[in-house]
Each structure stands twice: as C-alpha cells, then as structure tokens.
Amino acid sequence: MELRDIINRSSPVRIAPDATAAQALVTMIENKTDFLLVDRSGYSDAYGIVTRWDIVEGPIAHGADLNTTPVMDYARKPLVVMNNLDLELRWVAKKMSNENVSKIAVFDKEEFLGFVSDVDIMKAFASKEAKAEKGAGQ
C-alpha cells in the first residue's frame, strides 16, 4: 500500500499565523478538529501546524493568557512534508517516527494535497490484515 492510497484530500481548517492561542482553540472546537494548518505569512515562509496537544501542553499548562499568546509560540513550523505519493506506507510511518509527529502534510510540488495521520496508517494496515484473514479463512 502506498501513500497515494490513504491521502486525505479534504481541506484542513486553517488559521492565520498572527492568531492567538485562544483563536486557535475556538477554531478547533467550532470545526471539531484536533489540528489546524497555520498559513504562511508570505511566499517565502513555511506552513505550520498547531494541535490540541500543543495548546494543552503549551499555554494552558504554563498558565499563559490564551488571548494574548501568539499561536506561533506553540505551533510547529515548518511542517513535516512528503511529496512522493508512490512511497510505501512503512516509510511514511518511519518518517513519522523519526520526526516524532502524528501527521504529515502531503504536497505535489506547490499543491497541498492533505494530511496523512498515524490513524490513517493504522486503519490501512488493519484493513489489509482483515482482508488477509478473510482470504485465508475461505
């Protein structure tokens, strides 16, 4: 199975790089998501990501004022990115492990295609195993 087989092509919820942690938290809750794509501040800038865990372990755990704390103080930037859609999923998992992330952004040149998460990889392997068991039982 390859990266192209599991890419989630839905548009991620975005937030401006100058947003506050409070705005990020509200945006996550309103959109029922656990992460936001932090937009670039310009063409030569990198995209970032902020997750619910970044907010919890960052400003909330440190007692910071969410209304004045810039989201970029806790977002991760640049994104961990992959652009080889033919890559086997084990190498995607290896990249996640090496980078200590649970989501990887997938691009095709300049075009953002979506994110792949650790859950996407686990579902793909579970489905593969279920098919193998079903085939072996027949």
N, C-alpha and C. Protein backbone atom coordinates (compact mmCIF):
# COMPACT_ATOMS: atom_id res chain seq x y z
N MET A 1 0.85 -1.18 0.00
CA MET A 1 0.00 0.00 0.00
C MET A 1 0.89 1.24 0.00
N GLU A 2 0.44 2.25 -0.72
CA GLU A 2 1.25 3.45 -0.90
C GLU A 2 0.57 4.69 -0.32
N LEU A 3 1.35 5.73 -0.17
CA LEU A 3 0.87 6.99 0.37
C LEU A 3 -0.36 7.48 -0.40
N ARG A 4 -0.35 7.37 -1.72
CA ARG A 4 -1.47 7.84 -2.54
C ARG A 4 -2.78 7.13 -2.18
N ASP A 5 -2.69 5.91 -1.62
CA ASP A 5 -3.88 5.13 -1.29
C ASP A 5 -4.62 5.64 -0.06
N ILE A 6 -3.95 6.43 0.76
CA ILE A 6 -4.60 6.85 2.00
C ILE A 6 -4.66 8.36 2.19
N ILE A 7 -4.15 9.11 1.23
CA ILE A 7 -4.13 10.57 1.40
C ILE A 7 -5.54 11.10 1.60
N ASN A 8 -5.68 11.91 2.63
CA ASN A 8 -6.96 12.55 2.94
C ASN A 8 -6.98 13.88 2.22
N ARG A 9 -7.74 13.96 1.14
CA ARG A 9 -7.72 15.16 0.30
C ARG A 9 -8.72 16.22 0.75
N SER A 10 -9.20 16.11 1.96
CA SER A 10 -10.09 17.16 2.45
C SER A 10 -9.26 18.38 2.85
N SER A 11 -9.84 19.53 2.69
CA SER A 11 -9.13 20.77 3.03
C SER A 11 -9.04 20.91 4.54
N PRO A 12 -7.85 21.15 5.06
CA PRO A 12 -7.73 21.32 6.51
C PRO A 12 -8.27 22.68 6.93
N VAL A 13 -8.60 22.77 8.18
CA VAL A 13 -9.02 24.05 8.75
C VAL A 13 -7.74 24.87 8.94
N ARG A 14 -7.79 26.11 8.51
CA ARG A 14 -6.61 26.98 8.55
C ARG A 14 -6.76 28.07 9.60
N ILE A 15 -5.59 28.57 10.00
CA ILE A 15 -5.57 29.71 10.90
C ILE A 15 -4.42 30.62 10.48
N ALA A 16 -4.61 31.89 10.70
CA ALA A 16 -3.58 32.87 10.33
C ALA A 16 -2.39 32.76 11.29
N PRO A 17 -1.19 33.03 10.80
CA PRO A 17 -0.01 32.94 11.66
C PRO A 17 0.02 33.97 12.78
N ASP A 18 -0.77 35.04 12.66
CA ASP A 18 -0.79 36.04 13.72
C ASP A 18 -1.96 35.85 14.69
N ALA A 19 -2.65 34.71 14.61
CA ALA A 19 -3.76 34.40 15.52
C ALA A 19 -3.25 34.11 16.92
N THR A 20 -4.15 34.18 17.88
CA THR A 20 -3.81 33.86 19.26
C THR A 20 -4.13 32.39 19.56
N ALA A 21 -3.60 31.91 20.67
CA ALA A 21 -3.90 30.54 21.10
C ALA A 21 -5.40 30.39 21.37
N ALA A 22 -6.05 31.43 21.90
CA ALA A 22 -7.49 31.38 22.13
C ALA A 22 -8.25 31.22 20.81
N GLN A 23 -7.85 31.96 19.80
CA GLN A 23 -8.50 31.83 18.50
C GLN A 23 -8.30 30.43 17.92
N ALA A 24 -7.13 29.88 18.12
CA ALA A 24 -6.86 28.52 17.64
C ALA A 24 -7.75 27.51 18.36
N LEU A 25 -7.86 27.64 19.66
CA LEU A 25 -8.68 26.73 20.45
C LEU A 25 -10.15 26.80 20.03
N VAL A 26 -10.67 28.00 19.88
CA VAL A 26 -12.07 28.18 19.46
C VAL A 26 -12.28 27.61 18.06
N THR A 27 -11.34 27.85 17.16
CA THR A 27 -11.45 27.34 15.80
C THR A 27 -11.47 25.82 15.79
N MET A 28 -10.64 25.20 16.59
CA MET A 28 -10.62 23.73 16.69
C MET A 28 -11.96 23.20 17.17
N ILE A 29 -12.48 23.82 18.23
CA ILE A 29 -13.75 23.36 18.80
C ILE A 29 -14.89 23.56 17.81
N GLU A 30 -14.97 24.73 17.20
CA GLU A 30 -16.04 25.01 16.24
C GLU A 30 -16.01 24.09 15.03
N ASN A 31 -14.82 23.67 14.63
CA ASN A 31 -14.68 22.82 13.44
C ASN A 31 -14.50 21.34 13.77
N LYS A 32 -14.57 21.01 15.04
CA LYS A 32 -14.45 19.62 15.50
C LYS A 32 -13.20 18.94 14.92
N THR A 33 -12.08 19.60 15.12
CA THR A 33 -10.81 19.06 14.66
C THR A 33 -9.78 19.16 15.77
N ASP A 34 -8.74 18.38 15.66
CA ASP A 34 -7.70 18.42 16.69
C ASP A 34 -6.42 19.08 16.20
N PHE A 35 -6.46 19.68 15.00
CA PHE A 35 -5.29 20.40 14.50
C PHE A 35 -5.71 21.46 13.49
N LEU A 36 -4.83 22.42 13.29
CA LEU A 36 -5.05 23.49 12.33
C LEU A 36 -3.80 23.66 11.49
N LEU A 37 -4.00 23.96 10.23
CA LEU A 37 -2.90 24.32 9.35
C LEU A 37 -2.64 25.81 9.55
N VAL A 38 -1.42 26.15 9.93
CA VAL A 38 -1.07 27.55 10.11
C VAL A 38 -0.55 28.07 8.77
N ASP A 39 -1.25 29.05 8.23
CA ASP A 39 -0.89 29.60 6.93
C ASP A 39 0.48 30.25 6.95
N ARG A 40 1.05 30.37 5.77
CA ARG A 40 2.32 31.08 5.61
C ARG A 40 2.06 32.58 5.71
N SER A 41 3.03 33.30 6.22
CA SER A 41 2.88 34.76 6.28
C SER A 41 3.31 35.42 4.98
N GLY A 42 3.88 34.65 4.09
CA GLY A 42 4.31 35.15 2.79
C GLY A 42 4.80 33.99 1.94
N TYR A 43 5.10 34.26 0.69
CA TYR A 43 5.50 33.21 -0.23
C TYR A 43 6.76 32.47 0.23
N SER A 44 7.69 33.16 0.85
CA SER A 44 8.94 32.52 1.26
C SER A 44 8.86 31.91 2.65
N ASP A 45 7.71 31.96 3.27
CA ASP A 45 7.51 31.39 4.60
C ASP A 45 7.06 29.94 4.48
N ALA A 46 7.13 29.20 5.58
CA ALA A 46 6.70 27.80 5.62
C ALA A 46 5.33 27.70 6.29
N TYR A 47 4.58 26.66 5.95
CA TYR A 47 3.35 26.34 6.66
C TYR A 47 3.72 25.76 8.01
N GLY A 48 2.77 25.81 8.94
CA GLY A 48 2.96 25.21 10.25
C GLY A 48 1.73 24.41 10.63
N ILE A 49 1.79 23.80 11.79
CA ILE A 49 0.65 23.05 12.32
C ILE A 49 0.58 23.31 13.81
N VAL A 50 -0.63 23.42 14.31
CA VAL A 50 -0.85 23.51 15.75
C VAL A 50 -1.92 22.48 16.09
N THR A 51 -1.65 21.69 17.10
CA THR A 51 -2.58 20.63 17.51
C THR A 51 -3.19 20.97 18.87
N ARG A 52 -4.21 20.23 19.22
CA ARG A 52 -4.82 20.45 20.54
C ARG A 52 -3.79 20.19 21.63
N TRP A 53 -2.92 19.21 21.42
CA TRP A 53 -1.89 18.92 22.41
C TRP A 53 -0.92 20.07 22.56
N ASP A 54 -0.59 20.74 21.45
CA ASP A 54 0.30 21.90 21.51
C ASP A 54 -0.30 22.98 22.42
N ILE A 55 -1.61 23.17 22.33
CA ILE A 55 -2.29 24.18 23.15
C ILE A 55 -2.35 23.73 24.62
N VAL A 56 -2.64 22.45 24.85
CA VAL A 56 -2.75 21.94 26.23
C VAL A 56 -1.39 21.97 26.92
N GLU A 57 -0.37 21.40 26.27
CA GLU A 57 0.94 21.32 26.94
C GLU A 57 1.68 22.65 26.92
N GLY A 58 1.26 23.55 26.08
CA GLY A 58 1.92 24.85 25.97
C GLY A 58 1.28 25.89 26.86
N PRO A 59 0.47 26.77 26.28
CA PRO A 59 -0.04 27.90 27.05
C PRO A 59 -0.95 27.51 28.22
N ILE A 60 -1.77 26.47 28.05
CA ILE A 60 -2.66 26.08 29.15
C ILE A 60 -1.85 25.56 30.33
N ALA A 61 -0.94 24.63 30.08
CA ALA A 61 -0.13 24.05 31.16
C ALA A 61 0.79 25.07 31.82
N HIS A 62 1.18 26.09 31.07
CA HIS A 62 2.08 27.10 31.61
C HIS A 62 1.34 28.32 32.17
N GLY A 63 0.01 28.27 32.15
CA GLY A 63 -0.76 29.36 32.73
C GLY A 63 -0.71 30.65 31.93
N ALA A 64 -0.42 30.55 30.65
CA ALA A 64 -0.34 31.76 29.82
C ALA A 64 -1.74 32.27 29.48
N ASP A 65 -1.85 33.53 29.19
CA ASP A 65 -3.11 34.14 28.77
C ASP A 65 -3.34 33.76 27.31
N LEU A 66 -4.34 32.93 27.06
CA LEU A 66 -4.62 32.45 25.71
C LEU A 66 -5.00 33.58 24.76
N ASN A 67 -5.55 34.65 25.31
CA ASN A 67 -5.99 35.77 24.47
C ASN A 67 -4.83 36.63 23.96
N THR A 68 -3.68 36.52 24.60
CA THR A 68 -2.53 37.33 24.16
C THR A 68 -1.36 36.48 23.67
N THR A 69 -1.44 35.19 23.86
CA THR A 69 -0.35 34.31 23.45
C THR A 69 -0.46 34.00 21.96
N PRO A 70 0.56 34.33 21.17
CA PRO A 70 0.52 34.02 19.74
C PRO A 70 0.54 32.51 19.50
N VAL A 71 -0.29 32.06 18.59
CA VAL A 71 -0.35 30.64 18.28
C VAL A 71 1.01 30.14 17.80
N MET A 72 1.77 31.01 17.15
CA MET A 72 3.09 30.61 16.63
C MET A 72 4.09 30.32 17.74
N ASP A 73 3.81 30.74 18.98
CA ASP A 73 4.70 30.39 20.08
C ASP A 73 4.67 28.89 20.36
N TYR A 74 3.59 28.22 19.95
CA TYR A 74 3.43 26.79 20.25
C TYR A 74 3.20 25.93 19.02
N ALA A 75 3.01 26.53 17.87
CA ALA A 75 2.84 25.76 16.63
C ALA A 75 4.19 25.19 16.19
N ARG A 76 4.14 24.14 15.41
CA ARG A 76 5.36 23.56 14.86
C ARG A 76 5.50 23.98 13.41
N LYS A 77 6.68 24.49 13.14
CA LYS A 77 6.93 25.03 11.83
C LYS A 77 8.39 24.81 11.51
N PRO A 78 8.76 24.36 10.35
CA PRO A 78 7.91 24.04 9.21
C PRO A 78 7.24 22.68 9.40
N LEU A 79 6.24 22.44 8.58
CA LEU A 79 5.55 21.15 8.58
C LEU A 79 6.51 20.04 8.17
N VAL A 80 6.24 18.85 8.67
CA VAL A 80 6.91 17.67 8.14
C VAL A 80 6.13 17.31 6.88
N VAL A 81 6.84 17.25 5.76
CA VAL A 81 6.19 17.14 4.46
C VAL A 81 6.71 15.93 3.70
N MET A 82 5.82 15.33 2.93
CA MET A 82 6.19 14.28 1.98
C MET A 82 5.62 14.66 0.63
N ASN A 83 6.30 14.25 -0.42
CA ASN A 83 5.79 14.55 -1.75
C ASN A 83 5.94 13.40 -2.73
N ASN A 84 6.29 12.24 -2.25
CA ASN A 84 6.38 11.05 -3.09
C ASN A 84 5.16 10.18 -2.84
N LEU A 85 4.16 10.30 -3.68
CA LEU A 85 2.90 9.57 -3.49
C LEU A 85 3.06 8.07 -3.71
N ASP A 86 4.15 7.64 -4.31
CA ASP A 86 4.39 6.22 -4.56
C ASP A 86 5.09 5.52 -3.38
N LEU A 87 5.38 6.26 -2.33
CA LEU A 87 6.11 5.72 -1.19
C LEU A 87 5.26 4.69 -0.44
N GLU A 88 5.88 3.57 -0.07
CA GLU A 88 5.18 2.56 0.72
C GLU A 88 4.88 3.13 2.11
N LEU A 89 3.75 2.71 2.67
CA LEU A 89 3.30 3.25 3.96
C LEU A 89 4.28 3.01 5.09
N ARG A 90 5.05 1.94 5.03
CA ARG A 90 6.02 1.70 6.12
C ARG A 90 7.04 2.83 6.18
N TRP A 91 7.37 3.43 5.02
CA TRP A 91 8.33 4.53 5.01
C TRP A 91 7.69 5.81 5.51
N VAL A 92 6.39 5.95 5.29
CA VAL A 92 5.67 7.09 5.85
C VAL A 92 5.66 6.97 7.38
N ALA A 93 5.37 5.76 7.86
CA ALA A 93 5.38 5.52 9.31
C ALA A 93 6.77 5.76 9.89
N LYS A 94 7.79 5.35 9.17
CA LYS A 94 9.17 5.56 9.63
C LYS A 94 9.48 7.05 9.73
N LYS A 95 9.04 7.82 8.74
CA LYS A 95 9.25 9.28 8.76
C LYS A 95 8.54 9.89 9.97
N MET A 96 7.30 9.46 10.23
CA MET A 96 6.57 9.96 11.39
C MET A 96 7.33 9.65 12.67
N SER A 97 7.82 8.44 12.77
CA SER A 97 8.57 8.02 13.95
C SER A 97 9.84 8.85 14.11
N ASN A 98 10.59 9.01 13.04
CA ASN A 98 11.84 9.77 13.09
C ASN A 98 11.62 11.22 13.47
N GLU A 99 10.51 11.80 13.00
CA GLU A 99 10.22 13.21 13.25
C GLU A 99 9.38 13.42 14.51
N ASN A 100 8.91 12.32 15.13
CA ASN A 100 8.08 12.38 16.33
C ASN A 100 6.80 13.20 16.10
N VAL A 101 6.10 12.88 15.00
CA VAL A 101 4.85 13.55 14.67
C VAL A 101 3.78 12.51 14.38
N SER A 102 2.53 12.93 14.47
CA SER A 102 1.42 12.03 14.17
C SER A 102 0.69 12.41 12.88
N LYS A 103 1.12 13.50 12.26
CA LYS A 103 0.53 13.95 10.99
C LYS A 103 1.63 14.45 10.08
N ILE A 104 1.50 14.12 8.79
CA ILE A 104 2.44 14.59 7.79
C ILE A 104 1.65 15.25 6.68
N ALA A 105 2.10 16.41 6.26
CA ALA A 105 1.48 17.12 5.14
C ALA A 105 1.99 16.52 3.84
N VAL A 106 1.08 16.39 2.88
CA VAL A 106 1.45 15.82 1.59
C VAL A 106 1.25 16.89 0.52
N PHE A 107 2.30 17.12 -0.24
CA PHE A 107 2.28 18.10 -1.31
C PHE A 107 2.63 17.43 -2.63
N ASP A 108 2.13 17.98 -3.70
CA ASP A 108 2.57 17.63 -5.05
C ASP A 108 3.08 18.92 -5.65
N LYS A 109 4.39 19.08 -5.64
CA LYS A 109 5.05 20.35 -5.99
C LYS A 109 4.56 21.42 -5.02
N GLU A 110 3.89 22.46 -5.50
CA GLU A 110 3.38 23.53 -4.64
C GLU A 110 1.96 23.26 -4.14
N GLU A 111 1.31 22.22 -4.67
CA GLU A 111 -0.09 21.95 -4.33
C GLU A 111 -0.21 21.12 -3.06
N PHE A 112 -0.89 21.67 -2.07
CA PHE A 112 -1.15 20.95 -0.83
C PHE A 112 -2.26 19.95 -1.09
N LEU A 113 -1.99 18.66 -0.87
CA LEU A 113 -2.99 17.62 -1.13
C LEU A 113 -3.77 17.25 0.12
N GLY A 114 -3.15 17.32 1.27
CA GLY A 114 -3.83 16.95 2.51
C GLY A 114 -2.85 16.42 3.54
N PHE A 115 -3.41 15.85 4.59
CA PHE A 115 -2.60 15.28 5.66
C PHE A 115 -2.80 13.77 5.71
N VAL A 116 -1.77 13.08 6.16
CA VAL A 116 -1.86 11.67 6.49
C VAL A 116 -1.51 11.58 7.96
N SER A 117 -2.33 10.85 8.71
CA SER A 117 -2.10 10.73 10.15
C SER A 117 -1.71 9.30 10.51
N ASP A 118 -1.24 9.15 11.73
CA ASP A 118 -0.93 7.82 12.25
C ASP A 118 -2.18 6.94 12.24
N VAL A 119 -3.33 7.52 12.48
CA VAL A 119 -4.59 6.77 12.46
C VAL A 119 -4.89 6.27 11.05
N ASP A 120 -4.64 7.09 10.03
CA ASP A 120 -4.83 6.66 8.64
C ASP A 120 -3.98 5.44 8.33
N ILE A 121 -2.73 5.46 8.78
CA ILE A 121 -1.83 4.34 8.53
C ILE A 121 -2.30 3.10 9.28
N MET A 122 -2.71 3.25 10.53
CA MET A 122 -3.20 2.10 11.30
C MET A 122 -4.45 1.50 10.66
N LYS A 123 -5.37 2.34 10.19
CA LYS A 123 -6.57 1.85 9.52
C LYS A 123 -6.22 1.08 8.25
N ALA A 124 -5.26 1.59 7.49
CA ALA A 124 -4.85 0.91 6.25
C ALA A 124 -4.28 -0.46 6.55
N PHE A 125 -3.44 -0.56 7.57
CA PHE A 125 -2.86 -1.86 7.91
C PHE A 125 -3.89 -2.80 8.52
N ALA A 126 -4.82 -2.27 9.30
CA ALA A 126 -5.89 -3.10 9.87
C ALA A 126 -6.77 -3.65 8.75
N SER A 127 -7.07 -2.82 7.77
CA SER A 127 -7.88 -3.26 6.63
C SER A 127 -7.14 -4.34 5.84
N LYS A 128 -5.86 -4.15 5.66
CA LYS A 128 -5.04 -5.11 4.92
C LYS A 128 -5.03 -6.45 5.67
N GLU A 129 -4.87 -6.42 6.98
CA GLU A 129 -4.87 -7.63 7.78
C GLU A 129 -6.23 -8.33 7.77
N ALA A 130 -7.29 -7.54 7.84
CA ALA A 130 -8.64 -8.11 7.83
C ALA A 130 -8.90 -8.82 6.50
N LYS A 131 -8.44 -8.22 5.40
CA LYS A 131 -8.60 -8.86 4.08
C LYS A 131 -7.79 -10.13 3.99
N ALA A 132 -6.58 -10.12 4.57
CA ALA A 132 -5.74 -11.31 4.55
C ALA A 132 -6.36 -12.43 5.35
N GLU A 133 -6.93 -12.11 6.52
CA GLU A 133 -7.59 -13.12 7.35
C GLU A 133 -8.81 -13.70 6.64
N LYS A 134 -9.57 -12.81 6.02
CA LYS A 134 -10.77 -13.24 5.31
C LYS A 134 -10.40 -14.16 4.16
N GLY A 135 -9.34 -13.82 3.44
CA GLY A 135 -8.87 -14.64 2.34
C GLY A 135 -8.34 -15.98 2.81
N ALA A 136 -7.69 -16.01 3.96
CA ALA A 136 -7.13 -17.25 4.49
C ALA A 136 -8.21 -18.17 5.03
N GLY A 137 -9.34 -17.59 5.45
CA GLY A 137 -10.43 -18.37 6.02
C GLY A 137 -11.35 -18.99 4.99
N GLN A 138 -11.15 -18.67 3.73
CA GLN A 138 -12.05 -19.19 2.70
C GLN A 138 -11.56 -20.49 2.13
